[in-house]
Amino acid sequence: MLPIKCISPRRADRMRKGLATVELAICLPLIVIIAFGSIEATNMIFLEQRLTAAAYEGARKATVPGKTSADATAATNSILSQFSISGSTVTITPTVTATTAVGTQVKVSVSAPISSNMGGITPFFTTMTNLSASVTMIHQ
C-alpha cells in the first residue's frame, strides 16, 4: 500500500497563489490584446460611419437643383471638419453643374487616412492606410 502524503494548509495556500500567478501571467497579455483590438476596431467603425455621414450630406447637397460640385464639396468638408477628420479627399462623379440633367446618378466618395484620424496608436491595423465611404443619389 502506498503512503498518503498530507499537504499542510499553509502549503496548499502557497500552491494556490502560485497557480493564480501563473494563470495571470499567461492570460493577461491575451486579455490586453483583445481589449485594445476591440477599441481599435470600434474606432475604425466609428470613423467609417463619420465618413459615410459626410458623404451623405455632400450627396444631398449635390442632388439639389441649381447646386454644383463645389457646393457639395463644401458641405462635405464642413461635416468632416465638424467631426475633426483631417487629410480627407472628396470625389464627386460626375461633376455636377447647375444644368445637370434630372435623374443623373451622383456619387460622392470620401476617404481619409486611418493613422491621423483614429485618435490612438493603430498597431492592429497596420496594413490598412485609408478608409473610404461613398453615397450615390439621383439628381433632382
Protein backbone atom coordinates (compact mmCIF):
# COMPACT_ATOMS: atom_id res chain seq x y z
CA MET A 1 0.00 0.00 0.00
CA LEU A 2 1.25 3.49 -0.91
CA PRO A 3 1.62 6.05 1.81
CA ILE A 4 -0.74 9.02 1.61
CA LYS A 5 1.04 12.32 1.68
CA CYS A 6 -0.72 15.10 3.59
CA ILE A 7 -0.33 18.68 2.48
CA SER A 8 -0.45 21.32 5.14
CA PRO A 9 -2.98 24.15 4.75
CA ARG A 10 -0.17 26.70 4.55
CA ARG A 11 1.47 24.85 1.65
CA ALA A 12 -1.89 24.47 -0.12
CA ASP A 13 -2.40 28.26 0.09
CA ARG A 14 1.04 28.90 -1.40
CA MET A 15 0.32 26.44 -4.22
CA ARG A 16 -2.99 28.17 -5.00
CA LYS A 17 -1.34 31.61 -5.02
CA GLY A 18 1.40 30.33 -7.30
CA LEU A 19 -1.14 28.83 -9.68
CA ALA A 20 -3.10 32.09 -9.78
CA THR A 21 0.09 33.99 -10.58
CA VAL A 22 0.93 31.64 -13.46
CA GLU A 23 -2.63 31.90 -14.83
CA LEU A 24 -2.46 35.69 -14.68
CA ALA A 25 0.91 35.73 -16.43
CA ILE A 26 -0.48 33.60 -19.25
CA CYS A 27 -3.93 35.21 -19.63
CA LEU A 28 -3.23 38.91 -19.05
CA PRO A 29 -1.37 39.58 -22.32
CA LEU A 30 -4.16 37.89 -24.28
CA ILE A 31 -6.84 39.88 -22.47
CA VAL A 32 -4.97 43.16 -23.09
CA ILE A 33 -4.56 42.39 -26.80
CA ILE A 34 -8.25 41.57 -27.15
CA ALA A 35 -9.25 44.75 -25.28
CA PHE A 36 -7.06 47.08 -27.34
CA GLY A 37 -8.01 45.31 -30.57
CA SER A 38 -11.68 45.82 -29.75
CA ILE A 39 -11.11 49.50 -29.04
CA GLU A 40 -9.25 49.98 -32.32
CA ALA A 41 -11.92 48.11 -34.30
CA THR A 42 -14.62 50.26 -32.71
CA ASN A 43 -12.68 53.42 -33.59
CA MET A 44 -12.41 52.26 -37.21
CA ILE A 45 -16.14 51.59 -37.42
CA PHE A 46 -16.85 55.00 -35.89
CA LEU A 47 -14.53 56.71 -38.40
CA GLU A 48 -16.20 54.90 -41.29
CA GLN A 49 -19.64 56.00 -40.07
CA ARG A 50 -18.45 59.59 -39.90
CA LEU A 51 -17.15 59.37 -43.47
CA THR A 52 -20.49 57.91 -44.60
CA ALA A 53 -22.40 60.74 -42.89
CA ALA A 54 -20.20 63.34 -44.59
CA ALA A 55 -20.63 61.66 -47.99
CA TYR A 56 -24.39 61.55 -47.44
CA GLU A 57 -24.57 65.27 -46.70
CA GLY A 58 -22.46 66.01 -49.77
CA ALA A 59 -24.69 63.85 -51.95
CA ARG A 60 -27.80 65.56 -50.59
CA LYS A 61 -26.31 68.94 -51.48
CA ALA A 62 -25.20 67.73 -54.94
CA THR A 63 -28.67 66.48 -55.88
CA VAL A 64 -30.47 69.73 -55.10
CA PRO A 65 -31.43 71.59 -58.32
CA GLY A 66 -29.11 74.50 -59.03
CA LYS A 67 -26.27 73.30 -56.79
CA THR A 68 -22.82 72.39 -58.08
CA SER A 69 -19.97 70.06 -57.17
CA ALA A 70 -18.31 72.95 -55.35
CA ASP A 71 -21.36 73.31 -53.09
CA ALA A 72 -21.38 69.58 -52.39
CA THR A 73 -17.63 69.55 -51.66
CA ALA A 74 -18.03 72.50 -49.29
CA ALA A 75 -20.89 70.76 -47.46
CA THR A 76 -18.87 67.55 -47.17
CA ASN A 77 -15.77 69.35 -45.93
CA SER A 78 -17.88 71.23 -43.39
CA ILE A 79 -19.13 67.94 -41.91
CA LEU A 80 -15.63 66.48 -41.97
CA SER A 81 -14.25 69.48 -40.09
CA GLN A 82 -17.05 69.20 -37.51
CA PHE A 83 -16.02 65.58 -36.98
CA SER A 84 -12.32 66.64 -36.77
CA ILE A 85 -11.34 64.40 -39.69
CA SER A 86 -8.12 65.55 -41.33
CA GLY A 87 -6.42 64.70 -44.60
CA SER A 88 -9.63 63.62 -46.32
CA THR A 89 -10.35 63.69 -50.03
CA VAL A 90 -13.77 64.22 -51.59
CA THR A 91 -14.60 62.96 -55.08
CA ILE A 92 -17.86 63.71 -56.88
CA THR A 93 -18.71 61.87 -60.09
CA PRO A 94 -19.96 63.06 -62.47
CA THR A 95 -19.18 66.73 -61.97
CA VAL A 96 -22.41 68.46 -61.01
CA THR A 97 -23.27 71.79 -62.62
CA ALA A 98 -26.35 73.98 -62.46
CA THR A 99 -27.57 72.29 -65.65
CA THR A 100 -27.06 68.64 -64.66
CA ALA A 101 -29.92 66.55 -66.03
CA VAL A 102 -32.62 65.27 -63.71
CA GLY A 103 -32.18 61.56 -62.99
CA THR A 104 -28.38 61.60 -63.19
CA GLN A 105 -26.77 59.42 -60.53
CA VAL A 106 -24.32 61.43 -58.46
CA LYS A 107 -21.73 59.58 -56.40
CA VAL A 108 -19.89 61.27 -53.55
CA SER A 109 -16.85 59.40 -52.23
CA VAL A 110 -14.89 60.40 -49.16
CA SER A 111 -11.63 58.83 -47.99
CA ALA A 112 -9.38 59.62 -45.06
CA PRO A 113 -6.12 58.23 -43.69
CA ILE A 114 -6.50 55.97 -40.69
CA SER A 115 -3.28 57.00 -38.97
CA SER A 116 -4.23 60.64 -38.42
CA ASN A 117 -7.90 60.09 -37.58
CA MET A 118 -8.08 57.16 -35.18
CA GLY A 119 -7.11 59.09 -32.07
CA GLY A 120 -4.63 56.49 -30.88
CA ILE A 121 -1.94 54.09 -31.84
CA THR A 122 -3.05 51.67 -34.55
CA PRO A 123 -0.81 48.63 -34.22
CA PHE A 124 -3.58 46.19 -35.09
CA PHE A 125 -4.50 47.58 -38.49
CA THR A 126 -1.13 48.50 -39.99
CA THR A 127 -1.94 47.04 -43.42
CA MET A 128 -4.82 49.45 -43.98
CA THR A 129 -3.93 53.04 -44.78
CA ASN A 130 -7.24 54.66 -45.76
CA LEU A 131 -10.90 54.25 -45.01
CA SER A 132 -13.47 55.34 -47.54
CA ALA A 133 -17.22 55.66 -47.89
CA SER A 134 -19.45 56.60 -50.77
CA VAL A 135 -23.08 57.53 -51.29
CA THR A 136 -24.99 57.59 -54.58
CA MET A 137 -28.14 59.67 -55.09
CA ILE A 138 -30.24 60.68 -58.06
CA HIS A 139 -30.12 64.35 -59.12
CA GLN A 140 -33.50 66.05 -58.94
